[in-house]
Amino acid sequence: MFIETTPEQAATGSTAEYYQQQRAAWGFLPNYAGAFGHRPDVAQAWNALNLAIRGGMDRRRFEIATIAAARALRSTYCTAAHSKFLRDVCGDEASLRRIAESPDGESLDEQDRAVYRFATKVATDAASVQQSDVDELHAAGLADRDIADIVYAAAARSFFTRVLDGLGAQLDAEIAEEFDPELYATMVVGREAAA
């Protein structure tokens, strides 16, 4: 990290509570927690936003959109973490491997490919989104609410990746080790994992 973080053993109050929540969720204290140690109120607001977005949409679609946005934003941390969720929470290792083989999402099925393209565009250049982009999603069977959800997921990911990369948080070795080295190598799109 580029800033002094609050060590877990020295954390008190809401920072200690936030660290405990993250440890309980992951089984270890993830490196990104330190990026919010000085402002656990921001972390809690982010958690609430992320849960509202994820909880209001199809979980697998959320992960596809999030991976697309994370890759576009060059976040190794979020690409790997959400690839893990796609595989382990959604039970979709096949899509994970398709993305690894074709990082632009072009080997995904039609609807997933449309979601992936759109989330990438929102993350990289939202001002360039046109009606034709939305029409492509409609043609792939998505409703307006689904489309809004993809925008929310990609936009929220933009916030989180910028915080992590701006403060120098590195992907945890524990997450990187969840993948075979060849597969993990396809997820390194920016900052390397911690040693």
N, C-alpha and C. Protein backbone atom coordinates (compact mmCIF):
# COMPACT_ATOMS: atom_id res chain seq x y z
N MET A 1 0.86 -1.19 0.00
CA MET A 1 0.00 0.00 0.00
C MET A 1 0.89 1.24 0.00
N PHE A 2 0.38 2.28 -0.60
CA PHE A 2 1.13 3.52 -0.69
C PHE A 2 0.94 4.41 0.53
N ILE A 3 -0.01 4.08 1.38
CA ILE A 3 -0.26 4.85 2.60
C ILE A 3 -0.07 3.94 3.81
N GLU A 4 0.14 4.56 4.97
CA GLU A 4 0.19 3.80 6.21
C GLU A 4 -1.21 3.29 6.49
N THR A 5 -1.33 2.01 6.71
CA THR A 5 -2.63 1.44 7.02
C THR A 5 -2.71 1.11 8.49
N THR A 6 -3.91 0.93 8.98
CA THR A 6 -4.10 0.55 10.38
C THR A 6 -3.94 -0.96 10.49
N PRO A 7 -2.91 -1.42 11.21
CA PRO A 7 -2.74 -2.87 11.36
C PRO A 7 -3.94 -3.47 12.10
N GLU A 8 -4.25 -4.71 11.76
CA GLU A 8 -5.40 -5.37 12.37
C GLU A 8 -5.32 -5.37 13.88
N GLN A 9 -4.16 -5.66 14.44
CA GLN A 9 -4.01 -5.74 15.89
C GLN A 9 -4.13 -4.38 16.58
N ALA A 10 -3.98 -3.29 15.81
CA ALA A 10 -4.09 -1.95 16.38
C ALA A 10 -5.45 -1.32 16.11
N ALA A 11 -6.29 -1.99 15.32
CA ALA A 11 -7.59 -1.42 14.94
C ALA A 11 -8.54 -1.38 16.13
N THR A 12 -9.30 -0.30 16.21
CA THR A 12 -10.31 -0.15 17.25
C THR A 12 -11.60 0.35 16.62
N GLY A 13 -12.68 0.31 17.38
CA GLY A 13 -13.95 0.89 16.96
C GLY A 13 -14.44 0.35 15.63
N SER A 14 -14.88 1.26 14.78
CA SER A 14 -15.50 0.84 13.52
C SER A 14 -14.48 0.24 12.55
N THR A 15 -13.21 0.62 12.67
CA THR A 15 -12.19 -0.01 11.82
C THR A 15 -12.02 -1.47 12.22
N ALA A 16 -11.95 -1.75 13.51
CA ALA A 16 -11.84 -3.13 13.98
C ALA A 16 -13.06 -3.95 13.55
N GLU A 17 -14.23 -3.34 13.65
CA GLU A 17 -15.46 -4.03 13.24
C GLU A 17 -15.44 -4.36 11.74
N TYR A 18 -14.99 -3.40 10.92
CA TYR A 18 -14.89 -3.62 9.48
C TYR A 18 -13.90 -4.73 9.18
N TYR A 19 -12.75 -4.69 9.83
CA TYR A 19 -11.74 -5.73 9.62
C TYR A 19 -12.30 -7.11 10.01
N GLN A 20 -13.02 -7.17 11.10
CA GLN A 20 -13.61 -8.45 11.54
C GLN A 20 -14.61 -8.97 10.50
N GLN A 21 -15.42 -8.08 9.95
CA GLN A 21 -16.38 -8.48 8.91
C GLN A 21 -15.66 -9.06 7.69
N GLN A 22 -14.58 -8.41 7.29
CA GLN A 22 -13.84 -8.87 6.12
C GLN A 22 -13.13 -10.19 6.39
N ARG A 23 -12.58 -10.34 7.56
CA ARG A 23 -11.93 -11.61 7.92
C ARG A 23 -12.96 -12.74 7.94
N ALA A 24 -14.13 -12.46 8.48
CA ALA A 24 -15.18 -13.48 8.54
C ALA A 24 -15.63 -13.89 7.13
N ALA A 25 -15.69 -12.93 6.22
CA ALA A 25 -16.14 -13.22 4.85
C ALA A 25 -15.11 -14.02 4.06
N TRP A 26 -13.83 -13.75 4.28
CA TRP A 26 -12.78 -14.34 3.45
C TRP A 26 -11.99 -15.46 4.14
N GLY A 27 -12.01 -15.48 5.48
CA GLY A 27 -11.17 -16.43 6.20
C GLY A 27 -9.78 -15.86 6.47
N PHE A 28 -9.52 -14.67 6.00
CA PHE A 28 -8.27 -13.93 6.24
C PHE A 28 -8.61 -12.45 6.03
N LEU A 29 -7.74 -11.55 6.47
CA LEU A 29 -8.00 -10.13 6.25
C LEU A 29 -7.46 -9.76 4.88
N PRO A 30 -8.33 -9.46 3.93
CA PRO A 30 -7.84 -9.13 2.58
C PRO A 30 -7.09 -7.81 2.57
N ASN A 31 -6.13 -7.72 1.66
CA ASN A 31 -5.30 -6.52 1.56
C ASN A 31 -6.12 -5.26 1.32
N TYR A 32 -7.23 -5.38 0.58
CA TYR A 32 -8.01 -4.18 0.28
C TYR A 32 -8.59 -3.53 1.52
N ALA A 33 -8.75 -4.29 2.60
CA ALA A 33 -9.34 -3.72 3.83
C ALA A 33 -8.52 -2.54 4.33
N GLY A 34 -7.21 -2.62 4.18
CA GLY A 34 -6.35 -1.51 4.62
C GLY A 34 -6.64 -0.21 3.90
N ALA A 35 -7.11 -0.30 2.66
CA ALA A 35 -7.43 0.91 1.89
C ALA A 35 -8.59 1.68 2.52
N PHE A 36 -9.37 1.00 3.34
CA PHE A 36 -10.53 1.64 3.98
C PHE A 36 -10.35 1.78 5.49
N GLY A 37 -9.18 1.41 6.02
CA GLY A 37 -8.96 1.44 7.46
C GLY A 37 -9.12 2.82 8.09
N HIS A 38 -8.78 3.85 7.33
CA HIS A 38 -8.92 5.22 7.85
C HIS A 38 -10.35 5.73 7.72
N ARG A 39 -11.14 5.09 6.84
CA ARG A 39 -12.51 5.53 6.60
C ARG A 39 -13.45 4.33 6.53
N PRO A 40 -13.65 3.64 7.66
CA PRO A 40 -14.56 2.49 7.63
C PRO A 40 -15.99 2.88 7.28
N ASP A 41 -16.34 4.14 7.45
CA ASP A 41 -17.67 4.59 7.05
C ASP A 41 -17.83 4.52 5.53
N VAL A 42 -16.76 4.82 4.79
CA VAL A 42 -16.78 4.70 3.34
C VAL A 42 -16.89 3.22 2.95
N ALA A 43 -16.15 2.37 3.66
CA ALA A 43 -16.21 0.93 3.40
C ALA A 43 -17.63 0.40 3.61
N GLN A 44 -18.27 0.81 4.67
CA GLN A 44 -19.63 0.33 4.95
C GLN A 44 -20.61 0.86 3.91
N ALA A 45 -20.42 2.10 3.47
CA ALA A 45 -21.28 2.65 2.42
C ALA A 45 -21.06 1.88 1.11
N TRP A 46 -19.80 1.56 0.80
CA TRP A 46 -19.52 0.76 -0.39
C TRP A 46 -20.17 -0.62 -0.27
N ASN A 47 -20.02 -1.26 0.88
CA ASN A 47 -20.63 -2.58 1.08
C ASN A 47 -22.13 -2.54 0.85
N ALA A 48 -22.77 -1.51 1.39
CA ALA A 48 -24.23 -1.39 1.22
C ALA A 48 -24.60 -1.22 -0.24
N LEU A 49 -23.86 -0.36 -0.95
CA LEU A 49 -24.13 -0.15 -2.38
C LEU A 49 -23.90 -1.43 -3.17
N ASN A 50 -22.76 -2.07 -2.94
CA ASN A 50 -22.43 -3.29 -3.67
C ASN A 50 -23.46 -4.38 -3.42
N LEU A 51 -23.89 -4.56 -2.17
CA LEU A 51 -24.90 -5.57 -1.85
C LEU A 51 -26.24 -5.24 -2.48
N ALA A 52 -26.60 -3.95 -2.51
CA ALA A 52 -27.86 -3.55 -3.13
C ALA A 52 -27.84 -3.88 -4.62
N ILE A 53 -26.74 -3.58 -5.29
CA ILE A 53 -26.64 -3.86 -6.72
C ILE A 53 -26.64 -5.37 -6.96
N ARG A 54 -25.75 -6.07 -6.29
CA ARG A 54 -25.62 -7.53 -6.49
C ARG A 54 -26.89 -8.27 -6.11
N GLY A 55 -27.51 -7.84 -5.01
CA GLY A 55 -28.71 -8.52 -4.53
C GLY A 55 -29.93 -8.29 -5.40
N GLY A 56 -29.90 -7.25 -6.24
CA GLY A 56 -31.06 -6.93 -7.07
C GLY A 56 -30.98 -7.48 -8.48
N MET A 57 -29.91 -8.23 -8.77
CA MET A 57 -29.77 -8.76 -10.12
C MET A 57 -29.32 -10.22 -10.08
N ASP A 58 -29.41 -10.88 -11.20
CA ASP A 58 -28.93 -12.25 -11.31
C ASP A 58 -27.46 -12.28 -10.93
N ARG A 59 -27.09 -13.16 -9.99
CA ARG A 59 -25.72 -13.17 -9.46
C ARG A 59 -24.69 -13.49 -10.55
N ARG A 60 -25.00 -14.44 -11.39
CA ARG A 60 -24.05 -14.80 -12.45
C ARG A 60 -23.84 -13.62 -13.40
N ARG A 61 -24.92 -12.92 -13.76
CA ARG A 61 -24.80 -11.75 -14.64
C ARG A 61 -23.97 -10.66 -13.95
N PHE A 62 -24.19 -10.50 -12.64
CA PHE A 62 -23.39 -9.54 -11.88
C PHE A 62 -21.90 -9.86 -12.01
N GLU A 63 -21.55 -11.13 -11.87
CA GLU A 63 -20.14 -11.51 -11.93
C GLU A 63 -19.57 -11.32 -13.33
N ILE A 64 -20.32 -11.66 -14.36
CA ILE A 64 -19.86 -11.46 -15.74
C ILE A 64 -19.61 -9.96 -15.99
N ALA A 65 -20.57 -9.13 -15.61
CA ALA A 65 -20.43 -7.68 -15.81
C ALA A 65 -19.26 -7.13 -15.00
N THR A 66 -19.10 -7.62 -13.79
CA THR A 66 -18.04 -7.13 -12.91
C THR A 66 -16.67 -7.54 -13.44
N ILE A 67 -16.55 -8.77 -13.90
CA ILE A 67 -15.27 -9.21 -14.48
C ILE A 67 -14.94 -8.36 -15.71
N ALA A 68 -15.92 -8.13 -16.56
CA ALA A 68 -15.68 -7.30 -17.75
C ALA A 68 -15.20 -5.91 -17.36
N ALA A 69 -15.87 -5.29 -16.39
CA ALA A 69 -15.48 -3.95 -15.95
C ALA A 69 -14.10 -3.98 -15.30
N ALA A 70 -13.84 -4.97 -14.47
CA ALA A 70 -12.55 -5.07 -13.78
C ALA A 70 -11.40 -5.24 -14.77
N ARG A 71 -11.62 -6.09 -15.77
CA ARG A 71 -10.58 -6.28 -16.80
C ARG A 71 -10.34 -4.98 -17.55
N ALA A 72 -11.42 -4.31 -17.92
CA ALA A 72 -11.30 -3.06 -18.67
C ALA A 72 -10.58 -1.99 -17.86
N LEU A 73 -10.78 -2.02 -16.55
CA LEU A 73 -10.16 -1.05 -15.65
C LEU A 73 -8.78 -1.49 -15.18
N ARG A 74 -8.31 -2.63 -15.69
CA ARG A 74 -7.00 -3.18 -15.39
C ARG A 74 -6.82 -3.50 -13.91
N SER A 75 -7.86 -4.03 -13.30
CA SER A 75 -7.79 -4.42 -11.89
C SER A 75 -7.60 -5.94 -11.78
N THR A 76 -6.38 -6.33 -11.53
CA THR A 76 -6.10 -7.74 -11.29
C THR A 76 -6.86 -8.22 -10.06
N TYR A 77 -6.90 -7.38 -9.02
CA TYR A 77 -7.57 -7.74 -7.77
C TYR A 77 -9.02 -8.15 -8.03
N CYS A 78 -9.78 -7.26 -8.66
CA CYS A 78 -11.21 -7.53 -8.88
C CYS A 78 -11.44 -8.59 -9.94
N THR A 79 -10.57 -8.65 -10.94
CA THR A 79 -10.71 -9.70 -11.96
C THR A 79 -10.59 -11.07 -11.32
N ALA A 80 -9.57 -11.26 -10.50
CA ALA A 80 -9.36 -12.57 -9.87
C ALA A 80 -10.44 -12.88 -8.83
N ALA A 81 -10.76 -11.90 -7.98
CA ALA A 81 -11.76 -12.15 -6.93
C ALA A 81 -13.11 -12.52 -7.53
N HIS A 82 -13.51 -11.81 -8.57
CA HIS A 82 -14.84 -12.09 -9.15
C HIS A 82 -14.81 -13.31 -10.07
N SER A 83 -13.66 -13.67 -10.59
CA SER A 83 -13.53 -14.94 -11.30
C SER A 83 -13.73 -16.09 -10.31
N LYS A 84 -13.19 -15.92 -9.12
CA LYS A 84 -13.39 -16.92 -8.06
C LYS A 84 -14.88 -17.04 -7.72
N PHE A 85 -15.57 -15.91 -7.61
CA PHE A 85 -17.00 -15.95 -7.30
C PHE A 85 -17.81 -16.58 -8.44
N LEU A 86 -17.43 -16.27 -9.68
CA LEU A 86 -18.12 -16.86 -10.82
C LEU A 86 -18.01 -18.39 -10.76
N ARG A 87 -16.82 -18.86 -10.44
CA ARG A 87 -16.58 -20.30 -10.37
C ARG A 87 -17.21 -20.92 -9.12
N ASP A 88 -16.94 -20.32 -7.95
CA ASP A 88 -17.29 -20.97 -6.68
C ASP A 88 -18.71 -20.68 -6.21
N VAL A 89 -19.19 -19.47 -6.41
CA VAL A 89 -20.53 -19.11 -5.95
C VAL A 89 -21.57 -19.46 -7.03
N CYS A 90 -21.24 -19.16 -8.27
CA CYS A 90 -22.18 -19.40 -9.37
C CYS A 90 -22.01 -20.77 -10.01
N GLY A 91 -20.95 -21.47 -9.67
CA GLY A 91 -20.72 -22.79 -10.23
C GLY A 91 -20.46 -22.79 -11.73
N ASP A 92 -19.83 -21.73 -12.23
CA ASP A 92 -19.65 -21.58 -13.67
C ASP A 92 -18.17 -21.49 -14.05
N GLU A 93 -17.50 -22.61 -13.93
CA GLU A 93 -16.09 -22.64 -14.34
C GLU A 93 -15.97 -22.55 -15.86
N ALA A 94 -16.96 -23.03 -16.59
CA ALA A 94 -16.90 -23.00 -18.05
C ALA A 94 -16.78 -21.57 -18.57
N SER A 95 -17.59 -20.65 -18.04
CA SER A 95 -17.51 -19.25 -18.48
C SER A 95 -16.20 -18.62 -18.05
N LEU A 96 -15.73 -18.97 -16.86
CA LEU A 96 -14.44 -18.48 -16.39
C LEU A 96 -13.34 -18.87 -17.38
N ARG A 97 -13.37 -20.10 -17.83
CA ARG A 97 -12.34 -20.58 -18.77
C ARG A 97 -12.52 -19.93 -20.15
N ARG A 98 -13.76 -19.69 -20.56
CA ARG A 98 -13.99 -19.00 -21.85
C ARG A 98 -13.40 -17.59 -21.81
N ILE A 99 -13.60 -16.91 -20.68
CA ILE A 99 -13.04 -15.55 -20.55
C ILE A 99 -11.52 -15.61 -20.54
N ALA A 100 -10.95 -16.60 -19.87
CA ALA A 100 -9.50 -16.74 -19.84
C ALA A 100 -8.94 -16.95 -21.25
N GLU A 101 -9.64 -17.74 -22.05
CA GLU A 101 -9.20 -18.03 -23.42
C GLU A 101 -9.42 -16.84 -24.35
N SER A 102 -10.47 -16.07 -24.07
CA SER A 102 -10.83 -14.94 -24.92
C SER A 102 -11.20 -13.77 -24.02
N PRO A 103 -10.20 -13.00 -23.54
CA PRO A 103 -10.45 -11.94 -22.55
C PRO A 103 -11.38 -10.82 -22.99
N ASP A 104 -11.70 -10.77 -24.28
CA ASP A 104 -12.66 -9.77 -24.75
C ASP A 104 -14.10 -10.27 -24.62
N GLY A 105 -14.28 -11.49 -24.12
CA GLY A 105 -15.61 -12.04 -23.90
C GLY A 105 -16.28 -12.60 -25.14
N GLU A 106 -15.59 -12.60 -26.25
CA GLU A 106 -16.21 -13.00 -27.52
C GLU A 106 -16.56 -14.48 -27.60
N SER A 107 -15.99 -15.31 -26.74
CA SER A 107 -16.32 -16.74 -26.79
C SER A 107 -17.50 -17.10 -25.88
N LEU A 108 -18.06 -16.11 -25.20
CA LEU A 108 -19.25 -16.34 -24.37
C LEU A 108 -20.48 -16.50 -25.24
N ASP A 109 -21.57 -17.01 -24.67
CA ASP A 109 -22.80 -17.11 -25.45
C ASP A 109 -23.35 -15.71 -25.72
N GLU A 110 -24.35 -15.63 -26.58
CA GLU A 110 -24.81 -14.33 -27.09
C GLU A 110 -25.17 -13.33 -25.99
N GLN A 111 -25.98 -13.75 -25.02
CA GLN A 111 -26.40 -12.82 -23.99
C GLN A 111 -25.23 -12.40 -23.10
N ASP A 112 -24.43 -13.36 -22.68
CA ASP A 112 -23.26 -13.03 -21.85
C ASP A 112 -22.29 -12.14 -22.60
N ARG A 113 -22.11 -12.40 -23.88
CA ARG A 113 -21.22 -11.59 -24.72
C ARG A 113 -21.72 -10.14 -24.78
N ALA A 114 -23.02 -9.98 -24.93
CA ALA A 114 -23.60 -8.62 -24.97
C ALA A 114 -23.42 -7.92 -23.63
N VAL A 115 -23.63 -8.63 -22.53
CA VAL A 115 -23.42 -8.07 -21.19
C VAL A 115 -21.97 -7.66 -21.02
N TYR A 116 -21.07 -8.54 -21.41
CA TYR A 116 -19.63 -8.31 -21.26
C TYR A 116 -19.19 -7.07 -22.05
N ARG A 117 -19.62 -6.99 -23.30
CA ARG A 117 -19.26 -5.84 -24.14
C ARG A 117 -19.78 -4.53 -23.54
N PHE A 118 -21.04 -4.59 -23.11
CA PHE A 118 -21.66 -3.38 -22.58
C PHE A 118 -20.98 -2.93 -21.28
N ALA A 119 -20.73 -3.85 -20.37
CA ALA A 119 -20.07 -3.50 -19.10
C ALA A 119 -18.68 -2.93 -19.36
N THR A 120 -17.98 -3.50 -20.34
CA THR A 120 -16.66 -2.99 -20.71
C THR A 120 -16.76 -1.54 -21.19
N LYS A 121 -17.75 -1.27 -22.01
CA LYS A 121 -17.92 0.08 -22.56
C LYS A 121 -18.30 1.07 -21.47
N VAL A 122 -19.18 0.66 -20.57
CA VAL A 122 -19.57 1.54 -19.46
C VAL A 122 -18.35 1.86 -18.59
N ALA A 123 -17.53 0.84 -18.32
CA ALA A 123 -16.37 1.04 -17.46
C ALA A 123 -15.30 1.92 -18.09
N THR A 124 -15.14 1.81 -19.41
CA THR A 124 -14.05 2.54 -20.06
C THR A 124 -14.45 3.87 -20.66
N ASP A 125 -15.68 3.97 -21.15
CA ASP A 125 -16.09 5.20 -21.83
C ASP A 125 -17.62 5.29 -21.86
N ALA A 126 -18.20 5.51 -20.70
CA ALA A 126 -19.66 5.53 -20.59
C ALA A 126 -20.30 6.59 -21.50
N ALA A 127 -19.59 7.67 -21.75
CA ALA A 127 -20.14 8.73 -22.61
C ALA A 127 -20.30 8.27 -24.06
N SER A 128 -19.64 7.17 -24.43
CA SER A 128 -19.76 6.68 -25.80
C SER A 128 -20.91 5.69 -25.97
N VAL A 129 -21.60 5.34 -24.89
CA VAL A 129 -22.74 4.42 -24.99
C VAL A 129 -23.82 5.07 -25.85
N GLN A 130 -24.35 4.29 -26.79
CA GLN A 130 -25.38 4.76 -27.71
C GLN A 130 -26.63 3.88 -27.57
N GLN A 131 -27.71 4.34 -28.13
CA GLN A 131 -28.95 3.56 -28.15
C GLN A 131 -28.72 2.19 -28.78
N SER A 132 -27.85 2.13 -29.77
CA SER A 132 -27.57 0.85 -30.45
C SER A 132 -26.97 -0.18 -29.48
N ASP A 133 -26.21 0.29 -28.48
CA ASP A 133 -25.66 -0.62 -27.48
C ASP A 133 -26.79 -1.23 -26.64
N VAL A 134 -27.73 -0.39 -26.29
CA VAL A 134 -28.89 -0.85 -25.50
C VAL A 134 -29.77 -1.76 -26.36
N ASP A 135 -29.92 -1.41 -27.62
CA ASP A 135 -30.72 -2.25 -28.53
C ASP A 135 -30.12 -3.65 -28.65
N GLU A 136 -28.80 -3.74 -28.66
CA GLU A 136 -28.13 -5.05 -28.73
C GLU A 136 -28.48 -5.89 -27.50
N LEU A 137 -28.54 -5.25 -26.34
CA LEU A 137 -28.91 -5.96 -25.12
C LEU A 137 -30.37 -6.39 -25.16
N HIS A 138 -31.24 -5.54 -25.65
CA HIS A 138 -32.65 -5.91 -25.82
C HIS A 138 -32.76 -7.12 -26.74
N ALA A 139 -32.02 -7.09 -27.84
CA ALA A 139 -32.07 -8.19 -28.81
C ALA A 139 -31.57 -9.50 -28.20
N ALA A 140 -30.69 -9.39 -27.18
CA ALA A 140 -30.16 -10.58 -26.50
C ALA A 140 -31.09 -11.04 -25.38
N GLY A 141 -32.24 -10.38 -25.22
CA GLY A 141 -33.24 -10.83 -24.25
C GLY A 141 -33.23 -10.12 -22.92
N LEU A 142 -32.52 -9.00 -22.82
CA LEU A 142 -32.45 -8.27 -21.56
C LEU A 142 -33.48 -7.14 -21.51
N ALA A 143 -34.07 -6.96 -20.35
CA ALA A 143 -35.04 -5.89 -20.14
C ALA A 143 -34.31 -4.63 -19.66
N ASP A 144 -35.03 -3.52 -19.65
CA ASP A 144 -34.43 -2.26 -19.23
C ASP A 144 -33.85 -2.34 -17.81
N ARG A 145 -34.55 -3.01 -16.91
CA ARG A 145 -34.03 -3.15 -15.54
C ARG A 145 -32.70 -3.91 -15.54
N ASP A 146 -32.59 -4.96 -16.36
CA ASP A 146 -31.35 -5.72 -16.47
C ASP A 146 -30.21 -4.82 -16.95
N ILE A 147 -30.53 -3.98 -17.91
CA ILE A 147 -29.53 -3.08 -18.49
C ILE A 147 -29.07 -2.07 -17.45
N ALA A 148 -30.00 -1.51 -16.71
CA ALA A 148 -29.64 -0.58 -15.64
C ALA A 148 -28.75 -1.27 -14.62
N ASP A 149 -29.07 -2.52 -14.28
CA ASP A 149 -28.26 -3.26 -13.31
C ASP A 149 -26.82 -3.44 -13.80
N ILE A 150 -26.64 -3.69 -15.09
CA ILE A 150 -25.29 -3.84 -15.63
C ILE A 150 -24.52 -2.53 -15.48
N VAL A 151 -25.20 -1.41 -15.74
CA VAL A 151 -24.57 -0.10 -15.57
C VAL A 151 -24.19 0.11 -14.11
N TYR A 152 -25.09 -0.20 -13.20
CA TYR A 152 -24.78 -0.04 -11.77
C TYR A 152 -23.56 -0.87 -11.39
N ALA A 153 -23.52 -2.12 -11.85
CA ALA A 153 -22.40 -3.02 -11.50
C ALA A 153 -21.08 -2.49 -12.04
N ALA A 154 -21.07 -2.06 -13.30
CA ALA A 154 -19.83 -1.56 -13.91
C ALA A 154 -19.40 -0.24 -13.28
N ALA A 155 -20.35 0.63 -13.00
CA ALA A 155 -20.02 1.92 -12.40
C ALA A 155 -19.50 1.75 -10.98
N ALA A 156 -20.13 0.88 -10.21
CA ALA A 156 -19.66 0.63 -8.84
C ALA A 156 -18.27 0.02 -8.86
N ARG A 157 -18.01 -0.87 -9.81
CA ARG A 157 -16.67 -1.48 -9.90
C ARG A 157 -15.62 -0.43 -10.19
N SER A 158 -15.99 0.58 -10.97
CA SER A 158 -15.05 1.66 -11.26
C SER A 158 -14.60 2.34 -9.98
N PHE A 159 -15.51 2.59 -9.07
CA PHE A 159 -15.14 3.19 -7.79
C PHE A 159 -14.17 2.30 -7.04
N PHE A 160 -14.53 1.04 -6.86
CA PHE A 160 -13.73 0.15 -6.02
C PHE A 160 -12.33 -0.08 -6.60
N THR A 161 -12.24 -0.30 -7.91
CA THR A 161 -10.92 -0.54 -8.50
C THR A 161 -10.04 0.69 -8.39
N ARG A 162 -10.62 1.87 -8.54
CA ARG A 162 -9.84 3.11 -8.45
C ARG A 162 -9.30 3.31 -7.03
N VAL A 163 -10.10 2.96 -6.03
CA VAL A 163 -9.62 3.06 -4.65
C VAL A 163 -8.45 2.10 -4.45
N LEU A 164 -8.62 0.85 -4.83
CA LEU A 164 -7.57 -0.15 -4.60
C LEU A 164 -6.30 0.19 -5.35
N ASP A 165 -6.41 0.49 -6.64
CA ASP A 165 -5.21 0.79 -7.41
C ASP A 165 -4.61 2.14 -7.04
N GLY A 166 -5.45 3.10 -6.73
CA GLY A 166 -4.94 4.42 -6.34
C GLY A 166 -4.16 4.39 -5.04
N LEU A 167 -4.49 3.45 -4.16
CA LEU A 167 -3.79 3.34 -2.88
C LEU A 167 -2.78 2.18 -2.86
N GLY A 168 -2.69 1.45 -3.97
CA GLY A 168 -1.66 0.42 -4.09
C GLY A 168 -1.99 -0.92 -3.48
N ALA A 169 -3.27 -1.23 -3.30
CA ALA A 169 -3.63 -2.54 -2.74
C ALA A 169 -3.35 -3.63 -3.78
N GLN A 170 -2.71 -4.70 -3.32
CA GLN A 170 -2.39 -5.82 -4.19
C GLN A 170 -3.26 -7.02 -3.86
N LEU A 171 -3.61 -7.76 -4.89
CA LEU A 171 -4.38 -8.99 -4.71
C LEU A 171 -3.70 -9.88 -3.69
N ASP A 172 -4.50 -10.49 -2.84
CA ASP A 172 -3.98 -11.40 -1.82
C ASP A 172 -3.44 -12.68 -2.46
N ALA A 173 -2.32 -13.15 -1.95
CA ALA A 173 -1.76 -14.42 -2.42
C ALA A 173 -2.77 -15.55 -2.25
N GLU A 174 -3.58 -15.48 -1.20
CA GLU A 174 -4.58 -16.53 -0.94
C GLU A 174 -5.57 -16.65 -2.09
N ILE A 175 -5.93 -15.53 -2.70
CA ILE A 175 -6.87 -15.57 -3.83
C ILE A 175 -6.15 -16.04 -5.09
N ALA A 176 -4.97 -15.51 -5.34
CA ALA A 176 -4.21 -15.92 -6.53
C ALA A 176 -3.97 -17.43 -6.52
N GLU A 177 -3.71 -17.99 -5.34
CA GLU A 177 -3.42 -19.42 -5.23
C GLU A 177 -4.65 -20.30 -5.42
N GLU A 178 -5.83 -19.69 -5.52
CA GLU A 178 -7.06 -20.45 -5.78
C GLU A 178 -7.12 -20.97 -7.22
N PHE A 179 -6.22 -20.47 -8.07
CA PHE A 179 -6.23 -20.82 -9.49
C PHE A 179 -4.91 -21.48 -9.87
N ASP A 180 -4.96 -22.34 -10.88
CA ASP A 180 -3.69 -22.87 -11.37
C ASP A 180 -2.94 -21.70 -12.02
N PRO A 181 -1.61 -21.74 -12.00
CA PRO A 181 -0.81 -20.58 -12.45
C PRO A 181 -1.14 -20.11 -13.86
N GLU A 182 -1.40 -21.04 -14.76
CA GLU A 182 -1.70 -20.67 -16.15
C GLU A 182 -3.02 -19.89 -16.24
N LEU A 183 -4.02 -20.35 -15.51
CA LEU A 183 -5.31 -19.66 -15.50
C LEU A 183 -5.17 -18.30 -14.82
N TYR A 184 -4.48 -18.28 -13.68
CA TYR A 184 -4.29 -17.02 -12.96
C TYR A 184 -3.57 -15.99 -13.85
N ALA A 185 -2.61 -16.43 -14.62
CA ALA A 185 -1.85 -15.50 -15.47
C ALA A 185 -2.76 -14.72 -16.42
N THR A 186 -3.88 -15.32 -16.82
CA THR A 186 -4.80 -14.62 -17.72
C THR A 186 -5.56 -13.51 -17.00
N MET A 187 -5.52 -13.51 -15.67
CA MET A 187 -6.25 -12.52 -14.88
C MET A 187 -5.38 -11.32 -14.49
N VAL A 188 -4.10 -11.42 -14.74
CA VAL A 188 -3.20 -10.32 -14.39
C VAL A 188 -3.30 -9.27 -15.48
N VAL A 189 -4.11 -8.26 -15.19
CA VAL A 189 -4.37 -7.20 -16.17
C VAL A 189 -3.83 -5.86 -15.71
N GLY A 190 -3.28 -5.82 -14.50
CA GLY A 190 -2.74 -4.60 -13.93
C GLY A 190 -1.74 -4.95 -12.84
N ARG A 191 -1.94 -4.38 -11.68
CA ARG A 191 -1.03 -4.58 -10.55
C ARG A 191 -0.95 -6.06 -10.18
N GLU A 192 0.27 -6.54 -9.96
CA GLU A 192 0.51 -7.94 -9.59
C GLU A 192 -0.03 -8.24 -8.19
N ALA A 193 -0.19 -9.53 -7.90
CA ALA A 193 -0.59 -9.95 -6.56
C ALA A 193 0.55 -9.73 -5.59
N ALA A 194 0.21 -9.65 -4.32
CA ALA A 194 1.21 -9.55 -3.26
C ALA A 194 2.01 -10.85 -3.21
N ALA A 195 3.26 -10.75 -2.81
CA ALA A 195 4.12 -11.94 -2.72
C ALA A 195 3.65 -12.81 -1.56
